[in-house]
Structure formats: structure tokens, C-alpha cells
Amino acid sequence: MRRISTMAVLSVLMVALTATAAYAVTKRGTNYGDALYGTNYADTVYGYGGADLIKGYGGKDVLYGGNEAGWGDKILGGTADDRILGQNGHDALYGEANNDRLDGGYGDDLIVGGTGQDTLKAGPGADKINAQDGQRDVVELCGSGPYDVVYYDAGLDVLVGCISPQGTARESAGMSAAEAREATETDLSAQKPPEGLFEHTGKVLVEHKGKELLVSEKDLKGHAGHGDRILDPTGRSDPE
């Protein structure tokens, strides 16, 4: 039986990794509207200014929109675990396949996870987040805007709020969609929930798939310096 040395195996792996890295692409747009496409490898794409179309394709890509306010980019991931950052502007972010991380950044963004267990992060502005893909997604509302809309799968997704206005990290618990739904169907007028159950600095509209609920928030006196937020059942209606 032929023996293969460890050094030989490592050499083959290094050659394979070097070849893969050689195919990876870094693309940069202009200050105008560009169409930028990745490859089947791990690419990095920067949109810069203008209303750009960015598509990642294969590989674990990192895709950036632009830093100019007022423009809106459309950014689509691909078949691997991608990281998509909208940055400034009113962007549309689509994770597509696999487990992606999408960060809207500034502006009124549309954030759609796609298939896979995604992390979807709102930012300053009125964002619309769609986590209805039948997978367990995490929706981060840390430092998000005053009026966000979240569509989620009951019993699967987790909503998380975690940053105080002073910018210090605070202990907070993720709340599953099932728990959120239970909260909306409970009379909270005579009781306060535990501190940190759901901490967020603005209003959030939550629609439950199959039974449409429009859930506003209510200020409660919590930690010193600011108020905590909980889901309030009084604002129930169908979202427009």
C-alpha cells in the first residue's frame, strides 16, 4: 500500500487554495449606475456611487452598495454564504441561496433573505424585511429606524434588539416569532413584561404569515436613561 506523506497532502491543498484565490475577483464600480457581476469564486464587489446592479453568483462573496445618499442599489447574493451591505441609499438586498448576512445600512431598504438561515439587519430608515422563507432567520433591529416592517415565519424566526441609544451593548433576549405572536394576543395593560424581552428604539410593524397582524410598539419605563419597547396589541390591522 502506497503511503502519502503529510507534507505532500499539504502541498496539494496549498496549490488548490492558491488556484482558487487566483480566480477570485475584486470589482469596483464608478460614481454612475454600474452592472457588476461576480464569478463562481469568493469575490468582493464595491458599487460606489450611482444606482448599481450587483450580482454575486458562486463563492462566499462580499458585496457592497454605495456610500452616496439618494441612490438605490439592487444587490443579489448567489449560491454560497454571502455578506451583503447596502450602505447608504434606498437599496434592495436579496440573499438568495444559502446562509447569508444582509445589512441594510442607511436609507429605506428592502431586505429579503431568500432560502437558507439568514441574518437580516435593519438600519436607520424605514426598512422592510422579509424573512418568510421557511428557515430559521435572525432579524436584528439594533439601531434601526423609527418605522420598520418585518415579515416572518411563526415559530422559526428570531427578532433581536440589542443596542441602547448611548451606543453601549445591553443584555437582551431574542424573541421567537411564536413568542411575538403570543405577546400580541395577550392583554398587557395590567402588567409589564420582563425587562429586555424586546428592546428596540423605534416602531416595528410585524406581519405574521397566514394571519396578518400589524403590531405597533408601546413605551414602558425600563432601564435608566431610556424606555424599553414591547409589542402592543392595540394597533392590529392589515399592512398596506
C-alpha atoms as a PDB file:
ATOM      1  CA  MET A   1       0.000   0.000   0.000  1.00  0.00           C
ATOM      2  CA  ARG A   2       1.417   3.331  -1.059  1.00  0.00           C
ATOM      3  CA  ARG A   3       1.886   5.885   1.693  1.00  0.00           C
ATOM      4  CA  ILE A   4       1.315   9.569   1.114  1.00  0.00           C
ATOM      5  CA  SER A   5       3.216  11.959   3.338  1.00  0.00           C
ATOM      6  CA  THR A   6       1.508  14.746   5.248  1.00  0.00           C
ATOM      7  CA  MET A   7       3.712  17.300   3.505  1.00  0.00           C
ATOM      8  CA  ALA A   8       2.550  16.071   0.107  1.00  0.00           C
ATOM      9  CA  VAL A   9      -1.097  16.424   1.110  1.00  0.00           C
ATOM     10  CA  LEU A  10      -0.488  19.928   2.450  1.00  0.00           C
ATOM     11  CA  SER A  11       1.291  20.893  -0.754  1.00  0.00           C
ATOM     12  CA  VAL A  12      -1.671  19.770  -2.854  1.00  0.00           C
ATOM     13  CA  LEU A  13      -4.076  21.709  -0.627  1.00  0.00           C
ATOM     14  CA  MET A  14      -1.962  24.862  -0.836  1.00  0.00           C
ATOM     15  CA  VAL A  15      -1.870  24.627  -4.631  1.00  0.00           C
ATOM     16  CA  ALA A  16      -5.663  24.200  -4.734  1.00  0.00           C
ATOM     17  CA  LEU A  17      -6.239  27.150  -2.424  1.00  0.00           C
ATOM     18  CA  THR A  18      -3.840  29.330  -4.404  1.00  0.00           C
ATOM     19  CA  ALA A  19      -5.599  28.436  -7.645  1.00  0.00           C
ATOM     20  CA  THR A  20      -8.989  29.254  -6.135  1.00  0.00           C
ATOM     21  CA  ALA A  21      -7.738  32.588  -4.789  1.00  0.00           C
ATOM     22  CA  ALA A  22      -6.327  33.420  -8.214  1.00  0.00           C
ATOM     23  CA  TYR A  23      -9.811  33.215  -9.707  1.00  0.00           C
ATOM     24  CA  ALA A  24     -11.423  35.407  -7.034  1.00  0.00           C
ATOM     25  CA  VAL A  25     -12.220  38.885  -8.299  1.00  0.00           C
ATOM     26  CA  THR A  26     -12.375  42.324  -6.705  1.00  0.00           C
ATOM     27  CA  LYS A  27     -14.577  44.648  -8.749  1.00  0.00           C
ATOM     28  CA  ARG A  28     -15.163  48.343  -8.237  1.00  0.00           C
ATOM     29  CA  GLY A  29     -17.880  50.433  -9.776  1.00  0.00           C
ATOM     30  CA  THR A  30     -17.906  54.114 -10.621  1.00  0.00           C
ATOM     31  CA  ASN A  31     -19.932  57.106  -9.479  1.00  0.00           C
ATOM     32  CA  TYR A  32     -22.565  56.176 -12.047  1.00  0.00           C
ATOM     33  CA  GLY A  33     -25.022  53.303 -12.398  1.00  0.00           C
ATOM     34  CA  ASP A  34     -22.989  50.134 -12.956  1.00  0.00           C
ATOM     35  CA  ALA A  35     -23.775  46.462 -13.546  1.00  0.00           C
ATOM     36  CA  LEU A  36     -21.226  44.389 -11.615  1.00  0.00           C
ATOM     37  CA  TYR A  37     -21.124  40.589 -11.672  1.00  0.00           C
ATOM     38  CA  GLY A  38     -19.001  38.232  -9.611  1.00  0.00           C
ATOM     39  CA  THR A  39     -17.714  34.783 -10.528  1.00  0.00           C
ATOM     40  CA  ASN A  40     -18.126  31.291  -9.117  1.00  0.00           C
ATOM     41  CA  TYR A  41     -15.428  32.071  -6.554  1.00  0.00           C
ATOM     42  CA  ALA A  42     -15.253  34.262  -3.446  1.00  0.00           C
ATOM     43  CA  ASP A  43     -15.462  37.786  -4.831  1.00  0.00           C
ATOM     44  CA  THR A  44     -15.544  41.281  -3.363  1.00  0.00           C
ATOM     45  CA  VAL A  45     -17.612  43.877  -5.219  1.00  0.00           C
ATOM     46  CA  TYR A  46     -17.928  47.615  -4.473  1.00  0.00           C
ATOM     47  CA  GLY A  47     -20.734  49.557  -6.114  1.00  0.00           C
ATOM     48  CA  TYR A  48     -19.683  53.096  -5.102  1.00  0.00           C
ATOM     49  CA  GLY A  49     -21.917  55.882  -6.465  1.00  0.00           C
ATOM     50  CA  GLY A  50     -24.944  55.603  -8.722  1.00  0.00           C
ATOM     51  CA  ALA A  51     -27.815  53.124  -8.792  1.00  0.00           C
ATOM     52  CA  ASP A  52     -25.942  49.852  -9.267  1.00  0.00           C
ATOM     53  CA  LEU A  53     -26.920  46.273 -10.054  1.00  0.00           C
ATOM     54  CA  ILE A  54     -24.624  43.815  -8.254  1.00  0.00           C
ATOM     55  CA  LYS A  55     -24.800  40.019  -8.543  1.00  0.00           C
ATOM     56  CA  GLY A  56     -22.536  37.654  -6.630  1.00  0.00           C
ATOM     57  CA  TYR A  57     -23.079  34.205  -8.238  1.00  0.00           C
ATOM     58  CA  GLY A  58     -20.974  31.400  -6.673  1.00  0.00           C
ATOM     59  CA  GLY A  59     -18.463  31.599  -3.840  1.00  0.00           C
ATOM     60  CA  LYS A  60     -18.657  33.364  -0.486  1.00  0.00           C
ATOM     61  CA  ASP A  61     -18.948  36.911  -1.752  1.00  0.00           C
ATOM     62  CA  VAL A  62     -18.817  40.272   0.000  1.00  0.00           C
ATOM     63  CA  LEU A  63     -20.989  42.776  -1.851  1.00  0.00           C
ATOM     64  CA  TYR A  64     -21.112  46.500  -1.041  1.00  0.00           C
ATOM     65  CA  GLY A  65     -23.590  49.053  -2.334  1.00  0.00           C
ATOM     66  CA  GLY A  66     -22.524  52.679  -2.319  1.00  0.00           C
ATOM     67  CA  ASN A  67     -21.819  55.460   0.147  1.00  0.00           C
ATOM     68  CA  GLU A  68     -23.781  58.135  -1.710  1.00  0.00           C
ATOM     69  CA  ALA A  69     -27.129  59.029  -0.183  1.00  0.00           C
ATOM     70  CA  GLY A  70     -30.091  59.278  -2.530  1.00  0.00           C
ATOM     71  CA  TRP A  71     -29.126  56.400  -4.821  1.00  0.00           C
ATOM     72  CA  GLY A  72     -30.566  52.915  -4.571  1.00  0.00           C
ATOM     73  CA  ASP A  73     -28.684  49.724  -5.397  1.00  0.00           C
ATOM     74  CA  LYS A  74     -30.041  46.275  -6.194  1.00  0.00           C
ATOM     75  CA  ILE A  75     -27.738  43.616  -4.766  1.00  0.00           C
ATOM     76  CA  LEU A  76     -28.231  39.865  -5.143  1.00  0.00           C
ATOM     77  CA  GLY A  77     -26.137  37.186  -3.479  1.00  0.00           C
ATOM     78  CA  GLY A  78     -25.654  33.794  -5.039  1.00  0.00           C
ATOM     79  CA  THR A  79     -25.351  30.127  -4.209  1.00  0.00           C
ATOM     80  CA  ALA A  80     -22.924  30.422  -1.262  1.00  0.00           C
ATOM     81  CA  ASP A  81     -22.882  32.158   2.135  1.00  0.00           C
ATOM     82  CA  ASP A  82     -22.660  35.810   1.154  1.00  0.00           C
ATOM     83  CA  ARG A  83     -22.343  39.078   3.038  1.00  0.00           C
ATOM     84  CA  ILE A  84     -24.325  41.957   1.534  1.00  0.00           C
ATOM     85  CA  LEU A  85     -24.070  45.552   2.757  1.00  0.00           C
ATOM     86  CA  GLY A  86     -26.377  48.183   1.336  1.00  0.00           C
ATOM     87  CA  GLN A  87     -24.561  51.139   2.942  1.00  0.00           C
ATOM     88  CA  ASN A  88     -26.207  54.477   2.023  1.00  0.00           C
ATOM     89  CA  GLY A  89     -29.251  54.895  -0.196  1.00  0.00           C
ATOM     90  CA  HIS A  90     -32.602  53.145  -0.596  1.00  0.00           C
ATOM     91  CA  ASP A  91     -31.369  49.677  -1.504  1.00  0.00           C
ATOM     92  CA  ALA A  92     -32.914  46.305  -2.355  1.00  0.00           C
ATOM     93  CA  LEU A  93     -30.904  43.386  -0.937  1.00  0.00           C
ATOM     94  CA  TYR A  94     -31.571  39.734  -1.803  1.00  0.00           C
ATOM     95  CA  GLY A  95     -29.634  36.929  -0.144  1.00  0.00           C
ATOM     96  CA  GLU A  96     -30.915  34.194  -2.468  1.00  0.00           C
ATOM     97  CA  ALA A  97     -29.464  30.737  -1.639  1.00  0.00           C
ATOM     98  CA  ASN A  98     -27.607  29.546   1.486  1.00  0.00           C
ATOM     99  CA  ASN A  99     -26.923  31.306   4.797  1.00  0.00           C
ATOM    100  CA  ASP A 100     -26.356  34.985   4.131  1.00  0.00           C
ATOM    101  CA  ARG A 101     -25.889  38.129   6.203  1.00  0.00           C
ATOM    102  CA  LEU A 102     -27.651  41.234   4.891  1.00  0.00           C
ATOM    103  CA  ASP A 103     -27.149  44.707   6.374  1.00  0.00           C
ATOM    104  CA  GLY A 104     -29.329  47.498   5.027  1.00  0.00           C
ATOM    105  CA  GLY A 105     -27.285  50.420   6.299  1.00  0.00           C
ATOM    106  CA  TYR A 106     -28.742  53.915   5.943  1.00  0.00           C
ATOM    107  CA  GLY A 107     -31.843  54.583   3.873  1.00  0.00           C
ATOM    108  CA  ASP A 108     -35.248  52.958   3.381  1.00  0.00           C
ATOM    109  CA  ASP A 109     -34.229  49.459   2.343  1.00  0.00           C
ATOM    110  CA  LEU A 110     -35.894  46.251   1.180  1.00  0.00           C
ATOM    111  CA  ILE A 111     -34.120  43.243   2.732  1.00  0.00           C
ATOM    112  CA  VAL A 112     -35.079  39.732   1.561  1.00  0.00           C
ATOM    113  CA  GLY A 113     -33.263  36.705   2.943  1.00  0.00           C
ATOM    114  CA  GLY A 114     -34.122  34.019   0.416  1.00  0.00           C
ATOM    115  CA  THR A 115     -33.509  30.349   1.154  1.00  0.00           C
ATOM    116  CA  GLY A 116     -31.176  29.433   4.000  1.00  0.00           C
ATOM    117  CA  GLN A 117     -30.735  30.551   7.593  1.00  0.00           C
ATOM    118  CA  ASP A 118     -30.042  34.233   7.128  1.00  0.00           C
ATOM    119  CA  THR A 119     -29.224  37.171   9.385  1.00  0.00           C
ATOM    120  CA  LEU A 120     -31.095  40.292   8.304  1.00  0.00           C
ATOM    121  CA  LYS A 121     -30.113  43.596   9.874  1.00  0.00           C
ATOM    122  CA  ALA A 122     -32.145  46.783   9.638  1.00  0.00           C
ATOM    123  CA  GLY A 123     -30.527  50.197   9.727  1.00  0.00           C
ATOM    124  CA  PRO A 124     -31.508  53.846  10.128  1.00  0.00           C
ATOM    125  CA  GLY A 125     -34.516  54.467   7.917  1.00  0.00           C
ATOM    126  CA  ALA A 126     -37.867  52.794   7.233  1.00  0.00           C
ATOM    127  CA  ASP A 127     -36.832  49.284   6.230  1.00  0.00           C
ATOM    128  CA  LYS A 128     -38.965  46.402   5.012  1.00  0.00           C
ATOM    129  CA  ILE A 129     -37.598  42.975   5.968  1.00  0.00           C
ATOM    130  CA  ASN A 130     -38.894  39.707   4.524  1.00  0.00           C
ATOM    131  CA  ALA A 131     -37.766  36.589   6.403  1.00  0.00           C
ATOM    132  CA  GLN A 132     -40.590  34.341   5.145  1.00  0.00           C
ATOM    133  CA  ASP A 133     -38.588  31.515   3.630  1.00  0.00           C
ATOM    134  CA  GLY A 134     -39.418  28.563   5.887  1.00  0.00           C
ATOM    135  CA  GLN A 135     -35.955  28.711   7.501  1.00  0.00           C
ATOM    136  CA  ARG A 136     -34.822  29.947  10.916  1.00  0.00           C
ATOM    137  CA  ASP A 137     -33.669  33.507  10.272  1.00  0.00           C
ATOM    138  CA  VAL A 138     -32.423  36.142  12.704  1.00  0.00           C
ATOM    139  CA  VAL A 139     -33.750  39.682  12.285  1.00  0.00           C
ATOM    140  CA  GLU A 140     -31.577  42.300  14.004  1.00  0.00           C
ATOM    141  CA  LEU A 141     -33.254  45.597  14.840  1.00  0.00           C
ATOM    142  CA  CYS A 142     -30.212  47.099  16.551  1.00  0.00           C
ATOM    143  CA  GLY A 143     -30.022  50.827  15.907  1.00  0.00           C
ATOM    144  CA  SER A 144     -32.713  50.616  13.250  1.00  0.00           C
ATOM    145  CA  GLY A 145     -35.032  53.363  12.093  1.00  0.00           C
ATOM    146  CA  PRO A 146     -38.306  54.600  13.567  1.00  0.00           C
ATOM    147  CA  TYR A 147     -40.639  52.666  11.301  1.00  0.00           C
ATOM    148  CA  ASP A 148     -39.703  49.174  10.104  1.00  0.00           C
ATOM    149  CA  VAL A 149     -41.858  46.390   8.668  1.00  0.00           C
ATOM    150  CA  VAL A 150     -40.954  42.754   9.373  1.00  0.00           C
ATOM    151  CA  TYR A 151     -42.494  39.705   7.686  1.00  0.00           C
ATOM    152  CA  TYR A 152     -41.578  36.462   9.423  1.00  0.00           C
ATOM    153  CA  ASP A 153     -42.338  32.746   9.773  1.00  0.00           C
ATOM    154  CA  ALA A 154     -44.134  31.853  13.010  1.00  0.00           C
ATOM    155  CA  GLY A 155     -42.178  29.556  15.292  1.00  0.00           C
ATOM    156  CA  LEU A 156     -38.963  29.808  13.292  1.00  0.00           C
ATOM    157  CA  ASP A 157     -37.539  33.310  13.135  1.00  0.00           C
ATOM    158  CA  VAL A 158     -35.914  35.281  15.942  1.00  0.00           C
ATOM    159  CA  LEU A 159     -36.258  39.041  16.425  1.00  0.00           C
ATOM    160  CA  VAL A 160     -33.403  40.691  18.308  1.00  0.00           C
ATOM    161  CA  GLY A 161     -32.925  44.231  19.644  1.00  0.00           C
ATOM    162  CA  CYS A 162     -29.688  44.947  21.449  1.00  0.00           C
ATOM    163  CA  ILE A 163     -28.218  48.465  21.367  1.00  0.00           C
ATOM    164  CA  SER A 164     -29.151  51.386  23.614  1.00  0.00           C
ATOM    165  CA  PRO A 165     -29.231  54.996  22.316  1.00  0.00           C
ATOM    166  CA  GLN A 166     -25.998  55.628  24.208  1.00  0.00           C
ATOM    167  CA  GLY A 167     -24.311  53.036  21.998  1.00  0.00           C
ATOM    168  CA  THR A 168     -23.495  50.574  24.772  1.00  0.00           C
ATOM    169  CA  ALA A 169     -24.261  46.901  24.428  1.00  0.00           C
ATOM    170  CA  ARG A 170     -27.077  45.697  26.660  1.00  0.00           C
ATOM    171  CA  GLU A 171     -28.099  42.205  27.563  1.00  0.00           C
ATOM    172  CA  SER A 172     -31.186  41.267  25.558  1.00  0.00           C
ATOM    173  CA  ALA A 173     -33.037  38.109  24.677  1.00  0.00           C
ATOM    174  CA  GLY A 174     -34.050  37.100  21.183  1.00  0.00           C
ATOM    175  CA  MET A 175     -37.778  36.595  20.845  1.00  0.00           C
ATOM    176  CA  SER A 176     -39.041  33.899  18.522  1.00  0.00           C
ATOM    177  CA  ALA A 177     -41.907  34.662  16.196  1.00  0.00           C
ATOM    178  CA  ALA A 178     -44.122  32.328  18.204  1.00  0.00           C
ATOM    179  CA  GLU A 179     -43.378  34.333  21.351  1.00  0.00           C
ATOM    180  CA  ALA A 180     -44.002  37.574  19.492  1.00  0.00           C
ATOM    181  CA  ARG A 181     -47.361  36.326  18.312  1.00  0.00           C
ATOM    182  CA  GLU A 182     -48.307  35.253  21.831  1.00  0.00           C
ATOM    183  CA  ALA A 183     -47.395  38.722  23.085  1.00  0.00           C
ATOM    184  CA  THR A 184     -49.671  40.369  20.546  1.00  0.00           C
ATOM    185  CA  GLU A 185     -52.582  38.216  21.676  1.00  0.00           C
ATOM    186  CA  THR A 186     -52.129  38.901  25.390  1.00  0.00           C
ATOM    187  CA  ASP A 187     -53.645  41.782  27.346  1.00  0.00           C
ATOM    188  CA  LEU A 188     -50.614  43.695  28.583  1.00  0.00           C
ATOM    189  CA  SER A 189     -52.497  46.648  30.026  1.00  0.00           C
ATOM    190  CA  ALA A 190     -52.226  45.399  33.614  1.00  0.00           C
ATOM    191  CA  GLN A 191     -48.691  44.011  33.577  1.00  0.00           C
ATOM    192  CA  LYS A 192     -45.185  44.743  32.426  1.00  0.00           C
ATOM    193  CA  PRO A 193     -43.058  42.201  30.578  1.00  0.00           C
ATOM    194  CA  PRO A 194     -39.586  41.310  31.860  1.00  0.00           C
ATOM    195  CA  GLU A 195     -37.009  43.948  31.076  1.00  0.00           C
ATOM    196  CA  GLY A 196     -35.009  43.108  27.980  1.00  0.00           C
ATOM    197  CA  LEU A 197     -37.680  40.883  26.440  1.00  0.00           C
ATOM    198  CA  PHE A 198     -37.685  43.031  23.349  1.00  0.00           C
ATOM    199  CA  GLU A 199     -35.548  46.157  23.271  1.00  0.00           C
ATOM    200  CA  HIS A 200     -35.741  48.497  20.304  1.00  0.00           C
ATOM    201  CA  THR A 201     -35.595  52.229  19.751  1.00  0.00           C
ATOM    202  CA  GLY A 202     -38.426  52.714  17.269  1.00  0.00           C
ATOM    203  CA  LYS A 203     -41.727  51.401  15.983  1.00  0.00           C
ATOM    204  CA  VAL A 204     -41.845  47.973  14.367  1.00  0.00           C
ATOM    205  CA  LEU A 205     -44.653  46.564  12.279  1.00  0.00           C
ATOM    206  CA  VAL A 206     -44.784  42.777  12.355  1.00  0.00           C
ATOM    207  CA  GLU A 207     -46.868  40.685   9.986  1.00  0.00           C
ATOM    208  CA  HIS A 208     -47.469  37.049  10.874  1.00  0.00           C
ATOM    209  CA  LYS A 209     -47.651  34.763   7.849  1.00  0.00           C
ATOM    210  CA  GLY A 210     -51.121  33.256   7.472  1.00  0.00           C
ATOM    211  CA  LYS A 211     -52.755  35.655   9.913  1.00  0.00           C
ATOM    212  CA  GLU A 212     -51.907  39.244   9.191  1.00  0.00           C
ATOM    213  CA  LEU A 213     -51.093  41.331  12.232  1.00  0.00           C
ATOM    214  CA  LEU A 214     -49.863  44.891  12.211  1.00  0.00           C
ATOM    215  CA  VAL A 215     -48.166  45.320  15.568  1.00  0.00           C
ATOM    216  CA  SER A 216     -47.057  48.670  16.902  1.00  0.00           C
ATOM    217  CA  GLU A 217     -44.920  49.257  19.986  1.00  0.00           C
ATOM    218  CA  LYS A 218     -45.515  50.829  23.374  1.00  0.00           C
ATOM    219  CA  ASP A 219     -43.033  52.650  25.581  1.00  0.00           C
ATOM    220  CA  LEU A 220     -42.526  51.253  29.055  1.00  0.00           C
ATOM    221  CA  LYS A 221     -40.318  52.619  31.780  1.00  0.00           C
ATOM    222  CA  GLY A 222     -37.260  50.394  31.874  1.00  0.00           C
ATOM    223  CA  HIS A 223     -33.560  50.979  32.312  1.00  0.00           C
ATOM    224  CA  ALA A 224     -32.383  54.426  33.354  1.00  0.00           C
ATOM    225  CA  GLY A 225     -31.908  56.894  30.539  1.00  0.00           C
ATOM    226  CA  HIS A 226     -34.414  55.484  28.034  1.00  0.00           C
ATOM    227  CA  GLY A 227     -37.517  53.362  27.738  1.00  0.00           C
ATOM    228  CA  ASP A 228     -37.815  49.787  26.614  1.00  0.00           C
ATOM    229  CA  ARG A 229     -40.269  48.776  23.903  1.00  0.00           C
ATOM    230  CA  ILE A 230     -42.733  45.912  23.842  1.00  0.00           C
ATOM    231  CA  LEU A 231     -45.224  44.707  21.276  1.00  0.00           C
ATOM    232  CA  ASP A 232     -48.596  46.394  21.729  1.00  0.00           C
ATOM    233  CA  PRO A 233     -51.729  44.501  20.626  1.00  0.00           C
ATOM    234  CA  THR A 234     -53.841  47.636  20.168  1.00  0.00           C
ATOM    235  CA  GLY A 235     -52.546  48.536  16.708  1.00  0.00           C
ATOM    236  CA  ARG A 236     -53.736  45.427  14.893  1.00  0.00           C
ATOM    237  CA  SER A 237     -54.667  45.700  11.206  1.00  0.00           C
ATOM    238  CA  ASP A 238     -53.552  44.525   7.783  1.00  0.00           C
ATOM    239  CA  PRO A 239     -50.447  46.256   6.420  1.00  0.00           C
ATOM    240  CA  GLU A 240     -50.856  48.227   3.254  1.00  0.00           C
END
